[in-house]
C-alpha atoms as a PDB file:
ATOM      1  CA  MET A   1      52.745 211.718 224.970  1.00  0.00           C
ATOM      2  CA  PRO A   2      49.852 209.318 224.286  1.00  0.00           C
ATOM      3  CA  MET A   3      47.306 211.345 226.271  1.00  0.00           C
ATOM      4  CA  ALA A   4      47.984 214.529 224.070  1.00  0.00           C
ATOM      5  CA  LEU A   5      47.361 212.429 220.916  1.00  0.00           C
ATOM      6  CA  VAL A   6      44.053 211.275 222.434  1.00  0.00           C
ATOM      7  CA  THR A   7      42.964 214.764 223.425  1.00  0.00           C
ATOM      8  CA  LEU A   8      43.816 216.017 220.023  1.00  0.00           C
ATOM      9  CA  LEU A   9      41.880 213.191 218.165  1.00  0.00           C
ATOM     10  CA  CYS A  10      38.849 213.906 220.323  1.00  0.00           C
ATOM     11  CA  SER A  11      38.600 217.671 219.865  1.00  0.00           C
ATOM     12  CA  PRO A  12      36.712 220.116 219.536  1.00  0.00           C
ATOM     13  CA  SER A  13      34.964 219.586 222.822  1.00  0.00           C
ATOM     14  CA  ILE A  14      37.251 218.914 225.736  1.00  0.00           C
ATOM     15  CA  VAL A  15      35.655 218.325 229.261  1.00  0.00           C
ATOM     16  CA  ASN A  16      37.358 219.334 232.396  1.00  0.00           C
ATOM     17  CA  TYR A  17      37.886 216.388 234.562  1.00  0.00           C
ATOM     18  CA  PRO A  18      40.137 215.540 237.576  1.00  0.00           C
ATOM     19  CA  THR A  19      43.642 214.386 236.586  1.00  0.00           C
ATOM     20  CA  GLN A  20      43.708 211.560 239.030  1.00  0.00           C
ATOM     21  CA  HIS A  21      41.828 209.216 236.677  1.00  0.00           C
ATOM     22  CA  PRO A  22      44.106 206.421 235.301  1.00  0.00           C
ATOM     23  CA  LEU A  23      43.636 207.619 231.706  1.00  0.00           C
ATOM     24  CA  HIS A  24      45.524 210.734 232.537  1.00  0.00           C
ATOM     25  CA  ASN A  25      48.570 208.655 233.888  1.00  0.00           C
ATOM     26  CA  PRO A  26      51.028 208.339 230.985  1.00  0.00           C
ATOM     27  CA  ARG A  27      52.233 205.024 232.444  1.00  0.00           C
ATOM     28  CA  TYR A  28      48.786 203.719 232.174  1.00  0.00           C
ATOM     29  CA  PHE A  29      49.074 203.717 228.336  1.00  0.00           C
ATOM     30  CA  SER A  30      52.273 201.814 228.454  1.00  0.00           C
ATOM     31  CA  SER A  31      50.733 198.688 230.001  1.00  0.00           C
ATOM     32  CA  HIS A  32      47.212 198.908 228.469  1.00  0.00           C
ATOM     33  CA  HIS A  33      45.919 199.007 224.965  1.00  0.00           C
ATOM     34  CA  TYR A  34      42.911 201.131 223.851  1.00  0.00           C
ATOM     35  CA  SER A  35      40.979 201.646 220.702  1.00  0.00           C
ATOM     36  CA  ILE A  36      40.538 205.489 219.651  1.00  0.00           C
ATOM     37  CA  ASN A  37      36.905 205.199 219.329  1.00  0.00           C
ATOM     38  CA  SER A  38      36.697 203.837 222.901  1.00  0.00           C
ATOM     39  CA  ILE A  39      38.920 206.550 224.307  1.00  0.00           C
ATOM     40  CA  CYS A  40      36.915 209.305 222.594  1.00  0.00           C
ATOM     41  CA  SER A  41      33.677 207.858 223.896  1.00  0.00           C
ATOM     42  CA  PHE A  42      35.102 207.817 227.324  1.00  0.00           C
ATOM     43  CA  LEU A  43      36.248 211.319 227.299  1.00  0.00           C
ATOM     44  CA  HIS A  44      32.978 212.648 226.058  1.00  0.00           C
ATOM     45  CA  THR A  45      31.034 210.883 228.807  1.00  0.00           C
ATOM     46  CA  PRO A  46      30.259 213.013 231.905  1.00  0.00           C
ATOM     47  CA  TYR A  47      32.610 212.398 234.732  1.00  0.00           C
ATOM     48  CA  SER A  48      29.843 211.312 236.954  1.00  0.00           C
ATOM     49  CA  ARG A  49      29.304 208.165 234.720  1.00  0.00           C
ATOM     50  CA  ARG A  50      32.981 207.482 234.043  1.00  0.00           C
ATOM     51  CA  SER A  51      33.637 205.674 237.336  1.00  0.00           C
ATOM     52  CA  LYS A  52      30.870 202.946 236.185  1.00  0.00           C
ATOM     53  CA  LEU A  53      32.629 202.461 232.862  1.00  0.00           C
ATOM     54  CA  SER A  54      35.180 199.712 232.575  1.00  0.00           C
ATOM     55  CA  THR A  55      38.501 200.539 231.179  1.00  0.00           C
ATOM     56  CA  ASN A  56      39.820 197.094 230.976  1.00  0.00           C
ATOM     57  CA  ASN A  57      38.423 196.500 227.483  1.00  0.00           C
ATOM     58  CA  PHE A  58      39.959 199.383 225.774  1.00  0.00           C
ATOM     59  CA  THR A  59      42.476 198.813 223.301  1.00  0.00           C
ATOM     60  CA  LEU A  60      44.749 201.498 222.048  1.00  0.00           C
ATOM     61  CA  THR A  61      47.314 200.749 219.352  1.00  0.00           C
ATOM     62  CA  PHE A  62      49.833 203.555 218.167  1.00  0.00           C
ATOM     63  CA  ALA A  63      51.541 203.138 214.859  1.00  0.00           C
ATOM     64  CA  SER A  64      55.275 202.838 214.977  1.00  0.00           C
ATOM     65  CA  ASP A  65      57.369 205.365 213.225  1.00  0.00           C
ATOM     66  CA  SER A  66      59.328 202.596 211.597  1.00  0.00           C
ATOM     67  CA  LEU A  67      57.724 199.927 209.517  1.00  0.00           C
ATOM     68  CA  PRO A  68      58.882 196.265 209.274  1.00  0.00           C
ATOM     69  CA  SER A  69      61.852 195.950 206.975  1.00  0.00           C
ATOM     70  CA  SER A  70      59.817 193.525 204.762  1.00  0.00           C
ATOM     71  CA  LEU A  71      57.256 196.297 204.062  1.00  0.00           C
ATOM     72  CA  VAL A  72      59.655 199.079 203.303  1.00  0.00           C
ATOM     73  CA  SER A  73      60.783 199.239 199.655  1.00  0.00           C
ATOM     74  CA  THR A  74      64.095 200.680 199.077  1.00  0.00           C
ATOM     75  CA  ASP A  75      65.796 202.215 195.889  1.00  0.00           C
ATOM     76  CA  GLU A  76      67.834 199.117 195.704  1.00  0.00           C
ATOM     77  CA  GLU A  77      64.920 196.732 195.693  1.00  0.00           C
ATOM     78  CA  LYS A  78      62.962 198.523 193.112  1.00  0.00           C
ATOM     79  CA  GLU A  79      63.271 196.910 189.584  1.00  0.00           C
ATOM     80  CA  GLU A  80      64.865 199.190 187.074  1.00  0.00           C
ATOM     81  CA  PRO A  81      62.681 199.638 183.959  1.00  0.00           C
ATOM     82  CA  LYS A  82      64.054 197.753 181.106  1.00  0.00           C
ATOM     83  CA  VAL A  83      65.559 199.931 178.504  1.00  0.00           C
ATOM     84  CA  GLU A  84      64.644 198.790 175.065  1.00  0.00           C
ATOM     85  CA  GLU A  85      67.767 198.285 172.955  1.00  0.00           C
ATOM     86  CA  PHE A  86      67.944 199.646 169.456  1.00  0.00           C
ATOM     87  CA  SER A  87      70.548 199.129 166.836  1.00  0.00           C
ATOM     88  CA  ARG A  88      72.640 202.176 165.868  1.00  0.00           C
ATOM     89  CA  THR A  89      73.032 201.014 162.270  1.00  0.00           C
ATOM     90  CA  ARG A  90      69.815 199.352 161.507  1.00  0.00           C
ATOM     91  CA  ILE A  91      66.718 201.555 160.365  1.00  0.00           C
ATOM     92  CA  ILE A  92      63.209 200.726 159.841  1.00  0.00           C
ATOM     93  CA  ALA A  93      61.478 202.686 157.048  1.00  0.00           C
ATOM     94  CA  GLN A  94      57.736 202.709 157.179  1.00  0.00           C
ATOM     95  CA  ASN A  95      55.145 203.872 154.684  1.00  0.00           C
ATOM     96  CA  ILE A  96      57.369 202.941 151.657  1.00  0.00           C
ATOM     97  CA  PRO A  97      55.621 202.453 148.302  1.00  0.00           C
ATOM     98  CA  PHE A  98      54.004 199.118 148.047  1.00  0.00           C
ATOM     99  CA  SER A  99      55.704 198.572 144.610  1.00  0.00           C
ATOM    100  CA  SER A 100      59.267 199.452 145.931  1.00  0.00           C
ATOM    101  CA  THR A 101      61.934 196.753 145.504  1.00  0.00           C
ATOM    102  CA  GLN A 102      64.991 196.247 147.516  1.00  0.00           C
ATOM    103  CA  ASP A 103      66.972 197.922 144.680  1.00  0.00           C
ATOM    104  CA  ASP A 104      64.793 201.064 144.960  1.00  0.00           C
ATOM    105  CA  ILE A 105      65.366 201.286 148.677  1.00  0.00           C
ATOM    106  CA  ARG A 106      68.978 200.492 148.478  1.00  0.00           C
ATOM    107  CA  ALA A 107      69.523 203.340 145.885  1.00  0.00           C
ATOM    108  CA  LEU A 108      67.605 205.811 148.027  1.00  0.00           C
ATOM    109  CA  PHE A 109      69.662 205.073 151.072  1.00  0.00           C
ATOM    110  CA  GLU A 110      73.056 204.959 149.362  1.00  0.00           C
ATOM    111  CA  ARG A 111      72.612 208.656 148.805  1.00  0.00           C
ATOM    112  CA  HIS A 112      73.503 209.071 152.421  1.00  0.00           C
ATOM    113  CA  GLY A 113      75.997 206.143 153.138  1.00  0.00           C
ATOM    114  CA  ARG A 114      77.024 202.668 152.725  1.00  0.00           C
ATOM    115  CA  VAL A 115      74.155 200.133 152.796  1.00  0.00           C
ATOM    116  CA  LEU A 116      74.880 196.650 153.813  1.00  0.00           C
ATOM    117  CA  HIS A 117      71.631 195.080 153.471  1.00  0.00           C
ATOM    118  CA  VAL A 118      68.018 195.659 152.658  1.00  0.00           C
ATOM    119  CA  GLU A 119      65.073 193.552 153.649  1.00  0.00           C
ATOM    120  CA  LEU A 120      61.433 194.193 152.596  1.00  0.00           C
ATOM    121  CA  SER A 121      58.517 192.850 154.526  1.00  0.00           C
ATOM    122  CA  MET A 122      56.456 191.221 151.677  1.00  0.00           C
ATOM    123  CA  HIS A 123      52.754 190.738 151.359  1.00  0.00           C
ATOM    124  CA  THR A 124      53.057 188.813 148.125  1.00  0.00           C
ATOM    125  CA  LYS A 125      55.827 188.048 145.762  1.00  0.00           C
ATOM    126  CA  THR A 126      55.523 191.456 144.046  1.00  0.00           C
ATOM    127  CA  ARG A 127      53.949 193.754 146.775  1.00  0.00           C
ATOM    128  CA  ASN A 128      55.561 194.589 149.978  1.00  0.00           C
ATOM    129  CA  ARG A 129      53.817 195.655 153.304  1.00  0.00           C
ATOM    130  CA  GLY A 130      55.140 199.221 153.173  1.00  0.00           C
ATOM    131  CA  LEU A 131      57.928 198.288 155.608  1.00  0.00           C
ATOM    132  CA  ALA A 132      61.720 197.968 155.033  1.00  0.00           C
ATOM    133  CA  PHE A 133      64.702 197.332 157.112  1.00  0.00           C
ATOM    134  CA  VAL A 134      67.916 198.929 156.078  1.00  0.00           C
ATOM    135  CA  GLU A 135      71.348 197.912 157.635  1.00  0.00           C
ATOM    136  CA  MET A 136      73.801 200.854 157.184  1.00  0.00           C
ATOM    137  CA  GLY A 137      77.643 200.568 157.127  1.00  0.00           C
ATOM    138  CA  SER A 138      78.198 202.644 160.357  1.00  0.00           C
ATOM    139  CA  PRO A 139      76.289 204.568 162.997  1.00  0.00           C
ATOM    140  CA  GLU A 140      77.320 207.759 161.197  1.00  0.00           C
ATOM    141  CA  ASP A 141      75.728 206.656 157.971  1.00  0.00           C
ATOM    142  CA  ALA A 142      72.614 205.579 159.785  1.00  0.00           C
ATOM    143  CA  LEU A 143      72.373 208.874 161.407  1.00  0.00           C
ATOM    144  CA  GLU A 144      72.882 210.667 158.050  1.00  0.00           C
ATOM    145  CA  ALA A 145      70.132 208.788 156.525  1.00  0.00           C
ATOM    146  CA  LEU A 146      67.843 209.179 159.359  1.00  0.00           C
ATOM    147  CA  ASN A 147      68.259 212.929 159.366  1.00  0.00           C
ATOM    148  CA  ASN A 148      67.798 213.313 155.717  1.00  0.00           C
ATOM    149  CA  LEU A 149      65.042 210.738 154.899  1.00  0.00           C
ATOM    150  CA  GLU A 150      62.778 211.205 157.793  1.00  0.00           C
ATOM    151  CA  SER A 151      59.457 212.664 156.512  1.00  0.00           C
ATOM    152  CA  TYR A 152      61.041 212.544 152.997  1.00  0.00           C
ATOM    153  CA  GLU A 153      58.571 212.082 150.219  1.00  0.00           C
ATOM    154  CA  PHE A 154      59.457 209.176 148.256  1.00  0.00           C
ATOM    155  CA  GLU A 155      57.266 208.389 145.000  1.00  0.00           C
ATOM    156  CA  GLY A 156      54.267 210.280 146.588  1.00  0.00           C
ATOM    157  CA  ARG A 157      54.571 208.791 150.025  1.00  0.00           C
ATOM    158  CA  MET A 158      55.914 210.366 153.138  1.00  0.00           C
ATOM    159  CA  LEU A 159      58.560 208.125 154.791  1.00  0.00           C
ATOM    160  CA  ASN A 160      58.708 207.513 158.574  1.00  0.00           C
ATOM    161  CA  LEU A 161      62.118 206.449 159.709  1.00  0.00           C
ATOM    162  CA  GLU A 162      63.438 205.312 163.186  1.00  0.00           C
ATOM    163  CA  TYR A 163      66.055 203.048 164.581  1.00  0.00           C
ATOM    164  CA  ALA A 164      65.131 199.380 164.601  1.00  0.00           C
ATOM    165  CA  ARG A 165      65.914 196.764 167.040  1.00  0.00           C
ATOM    166  CA  PRO A 166      68.901 194.523 166.290  1.00  0.00           C
ATOM    167  CA  LYS A 167      68.126 191.715 164.151  1.00  0.00           C
ATOM    168  CA  LYS A 168      67.838 188.520 166.134  1.00  0.00           C
ATOM    169  CA  LYS A 169      70.239 185.889 165.038  1.00  0.00           C
ATOM    170  CA  LYS A 170      68.539 182.537 164.358  1.00  0.00           C
ATOM    171  CA  SER A 171      70.001 179.849 166.280  1.00  0.00           C
ATOM    172  CA  PRO A 172      70.751 176.818 163.971  1.00  0.00           C
ATOM    173  CA  PRO A 173      68.209 173.993 164.524  1.00  0.00           C
ATOM    174  CA  SER A 174      69.396 171.150 166.746  1.00  0.00           C
ATOM    175  CA  LEU A 175      70.434 168.336 164.513  1.00  0.00           C
ATOM    176  CA  GLN A 176      68.822 165.066 165.531  1.00  0.00           C
ATOM    177  CA  PRO A 177      71.218 162.157 164.929  1.00  0.00           C
ATOM    178  CA  LYS A 178      69.929 159.801 162.446  1.00  0.00           C
ATOM    179  CA  PRO A 179      69.535 156.385 163.492  1.00  0.00           C
ATOM    180  CA  ALA A 180      72.401 154.216 162.120  1.00  0.00           C
ATOM    181  CA  VAL A 181      71.110 151.577 159.749  1.00  0.00           C
ATOM    182  CA  THR A 182      72.784 148.161 160.513  1.00  0.00           C
ATOM    183  CA  TYR A 183      72.461 144.653 158.873  1.00  0.00           C
ATOM    184  CA  ASN A 184      72.336 141.886 161.485  1.00  0.00           C
ATOM    185  CA  LEU A 185      73.198 138.399 161.495  1.00  0.00           C
ATOM    186  CA  PHE A 186      71.998 135.772 164.065  1.00  0.00           C
ATOM    187  CA  VAL A 187      74.797 133.685 165.286  1.00  0.00           C
ATOM    188  CA  SER A 188      74.225 130.493 167.427  1.00  0.00           C
ATOM    189  CA  ASN A 189      75.871 127.164 168.642  1.00  0.00           C
ATOM    190  CA  PHE A 190      78.742 128.930 170.240  1.00  0.00           C
ATOM    191  CA  PRO A 191      80.207 128.020 173.642  1.00  0.00           C
ATOM    192  CA  TYR A 192      78.526 129.509 176.728  1.00  0.00           C
ATOM    193  CA  GLU A 193      81.855 131.127 177.745  1.00  0.00           C
ATOM    194  CA  THR A 194      81.822 133.189 174.602  1.00  0.00           C
ATOM    195  CA  ARG A 195      81.676 136.979 175.123  1.00  0.00           C
ATOM    196  CA  ALA A 196      80.842 139.757 172.730  1.00  0.00           C
ATOM    197  CA  LYS A 197      84.474 140.802 172.308  1.00  0.00           C
ATOM    198  CA  ASP A 198      85.125 137.126 171.231  1.00  0.00           C
ATOM    199  CA  LEU A 199      82.493 137.222 168.508  1.00  0.00           C
ATOM    200  CA  ARG A 200      83.656 140.749 167.304  1.00  0.00           C
ATOM    201  CA  GLU A 201      87.249 139.575 166.852  1.00  0.00           C
ATOM    202  CA  PHE A 202      86.300 136.395 165.141  1.00  0.00           C
ATOM    203  CA  PHE A 203      84.039 138.194 162.579  1.00  0.00           C
ATOM    204  CA  ASN A 204      86.360 141.106 162.135  1.00  0.00           C
ATOM    205  CA  SER A 205      88.886 138.499 160.808  1.00  0.00           C
ATOM    206  CA  GLY A 206      86.810 138.161 157.648  1.00  0.00           C
ATOM    207  CA  ASN A 207      86.362 140.664 154.888  1.00  0.00           C
ATOM    208  CA  GLY A 208      83.643 142.728 156.791  1.00  0.00           C
ATOM    209  CA  SER A 209      83.740 145.439 159.469  1.00  0.00           C
ATOM    210  CA  VAL A 210      81.680 144.706 162.524  1.00  0.00           C
ATOM    211  CA  VAL A 211      79.630 147.416 163.990  1.00  0.00           C
ATOM    212  CA  SER A 212      78.481 145.769 167.172  1.00  0.00           C
ATOM    213  CA  ALA A 213      78.369 142.094 168.550  1.00  0.00           C
ATOM    214  CA  GLU A 214      75.961 140.909 171.190  1.00  0.00           C
ATOM    215  CA  VAL A 215      75.767 137.831 173.418  1.00  0.00           C
ATOM    216  CA  ILE A 216      72.453 137.122 175.011  1.00  0.00           C
ATOM    217  CA  PHE A 217      72.287 136.165 178.697  1.00  0.00           C
ATOM    218  CA  TYR A 218      69.474 134.858 180.915  1.00  0.00           C
ATOM    219  CA  ASP A 219      68.990 135.744 184.565  1.00  0.00           C
ATOM    220  CA  LYS A 220      68.519 133.539 187.609  1.00  0.00           C
ATOM    221  CA  PRO A 221      70.959 132.129 187.197  1.00  0.00           C
ATOM    222  CA  ARG A 222      72.997 134.357 184.884  1.00  0.00           C
ATOM    223  CA  LYS A 223      73.875 132.134 181.915  1.00  0.00           C
ATOM    224  CA  SER A 224      74.631 132.529 178.226  1.00  0.00           C
ATOM    225  CA  ALA A 225      71.932 131.615 175.878  1.00  0.00           C
ATOM    226  CA  GLY A 226      74.384 130.246 173.476  1.00  0.00           C
ATOM    227  CA  TYR A 227      73.348 132.744 170.648  1.00  0.00           C
ATOM    228  CA  GLY A 228      73.718 136.414 169.786  1.00  0.00           C
ATOM    229  CA  PHE A 229      73.904 138.886 166.918  1.00  0.00           C
ATOM    230  CA  VAL A 230      76.582 140.566 164.794  1.00  0.00           C
ATOM    231  CA  SER A 231      75.881 143.727 162.889  1.00  0.00           C
ATOM    232  CA  PHE A 232      77.550 145.241 159.748  1.00  0.00           C
ATOM    233  CA  GLU A 233      77.411 148.594 158.058  1.00  0.00           C
ATOM    234  CA  SER A 234      76.228 147.344 154.613  1.00  0.00           C
ATOM    235  CA  GLU A 235      74.200 144.551 153.459  1.00  0.00           C
ATOM    236  CA  GLN A 236      76.952 143.386 151.085  1.00  0.00           C
ATOM    237  CA  GLU A 237      79.221 142.943 154.226  1.00  0.00           C
ATOM    238  CA  ALA A 238      76.515 141.023 156.157  1.00  0.00           C
ATOM    239  CA  GLN A 239      76.002 138.742 153.177  1.00  0.00           C
ATOM    240  CA  GLN A 240      79.661 137.962 152.761  1.00  0.00           C
ATOM    241  CA  ALA A 241      79.871 137.188 156.616  1.00  0.00           C
ATOM    242  CA  LEU A 242      76.952 134.899 156.180  1.00  0.00           C
ATOM    243  CA  SER A 243      78.698 132.867 153.550  1.00  0.00           C
ATOM    244  CA  GLU A 244      82.091 133.021 155.041  1.00  0.00           C
ATOM    245  CA  PHE A 245      81.310 132.086 158.674  1.00  0.00           C
ATOM    246  CA  GLN A 246      78.389 129.534 158.159  1.00  0.00           C
ATOM    247  CA  GLY A 247      79.609 126.315 159.828  1.00  0.00           C
ATOM    248  CA  LYS A 248      83.077 127.679 160.604  1.00  0.00           C
ATOM    249  CA  ILE A 249      84.732 126.273 163.779  1.00  0.00           C
ATOM    250  CA  PHE A 250      84.628 128.608 166.687  1.00  0.00           C
ATOM    251  CA  MET A 251      86.065 127.789 170.057  1.00  0.00           C
ATOM    252  CA  GLY A 252      85.599 124.230 169.033  1.00  0.00           C
ATOM    253  CA  ARG A 253      82.071 124.404 167.774  1.00  0.00           C
ATOM    254  CA  PRO A 254      80.488 124.974 164.262  1.00  0.00           C
ATOM    255  CA  LEU A 255      78.716 128.209 164.102  1.00  0.00           C
ATOM    256  CA  ARG A 256      75.215 128.563 162.688  1.00  0.00           C
ATOM    257  CA  VAL A 257      74.753 131.857 161.072  1.00  0.00           C
ATOM    258  CA  ALA A 258      71.553 133.193 159.452  1.00  0.00           C
ATOM    259  CA  ARG A 259      69.971 136.654 158.740  1.00  0.00           C
ATOM    260  CA  GLY A 260      68.511 138.108 161.809  1.00  0.00           C
ATOM    261  CA  ARG A 261      64.706 138.426 162.257  1.00  0.00           C
ATOM    262  CA  GLN A 262      65.310 142.115 161.951  1.00  0.00           C
ATOM    263  CA  PHE A 263      67.925 142.015 159.232  1.00  0.00           C
ATOM    264  CA  VAL A 264      67.817 145.710 158.769  1.00  0.00           C
ATOM    265  CA  LYS A 265      67.210 147.701 161.749  1.00  0.00           C
ATOM    266  CA  GLN A 266      67.625 151.330 163.167  1.00  0.00           C
ATOM    267  CA  VAL A 267      67.125 150.745 166.685  1.00  0.00           C
ATOM    268  CA  VAL A 268      68.837 148.805 169.470  1.00  0.00           C
ATOM    269  CA  VAL A 269      67.496 145.252 169.843  1.00  0.00           C
ATOM    270  CA  GLU A 270      64.748 145.230 172.470  1.00  0.00           C
ATOM    271  CA  GLN A 271      65.602 143.262 175.675  1.00  0.00           C
ATOM    272  CA  SER A 272      62.946 141.381 177.387  1.00  0.00           C
ATOM    273  CA  ALA A 273      63.873 138.496 179.827  1.00  0.00           C
ATOM    274  CA  ALA A 274      67.345 138.376 178.509  1.00  0.00           C
ATOM    275  CA  LYS A 275      70.235 140.722 179.097  1.00  0.00           C
ATOM    276  CA  VAL A 276      72.857 141.515 176.491  1.00  0.00           C
ATOM    277  CA  ASP A 277      76.536 141.400 176.649  1.00  0.00           C
ATOM    278  CA  ASN A 278      77.535 144.048 174.065  1.00  0.00           C
ATOM    279  CA  ALA A 279      81.078 144.506 172.796  1.00  0.00           C
ATOM    280  CA  ASP A 280      80.719 148.295 172.320  1.00  0.00           C
END
């Protein structure tokens, strides 16, 4: 009952007072809020003065037995500590002699099992950092080496052995595609209805192999500019096409063929006010 809690909090002095006061009515607490300090001050005030005190400003808030679910942490919500993984076949050997070589460490560990790989952490080309990683052939071999070589004196130094973390596999570097080198010819004086596929087919009829063909178009209104570009894989093919198709009749008109302003290029032709019709 709330009144019992107030009485307990306000001990040790308890004053006798009539029970008809509203504070002694449990229902009064259900509809009013009081602060503990205000209630205790009220109870320790002589009864003759209590009638003059206002109880409308008291605020009493009782803590609930159940907290909001958002404030309660459960076992399911607790993050499990991350368990550090160690290899069962890879051993790290510390405090090895600085002059030890891979062959020295391999010979030492091979007394207790099969050794797959030895890696020294080197300070210089001839001096290690006192640290070696040994990959054993099986977990049993690793345990055997660990049990026998831990605190083992090797060439005047006390070895310190423990399981090592698995060696991280290096992901191969992403291969950046090399820009293709093309040799480009400027082609003009063909009909406006010509499209890139027409240029490609026409120039493929020669000795070379066309990589791409482009026809330049202007906007507003969309209209062929009457010129374009044809690209080849090699300079030799481009030079042969220049000689072979210069002045050759194409769709009723003699072609004009020349080396492009960017005869050798590794990027796509920049487009400004014109749009490109590409056969690729």
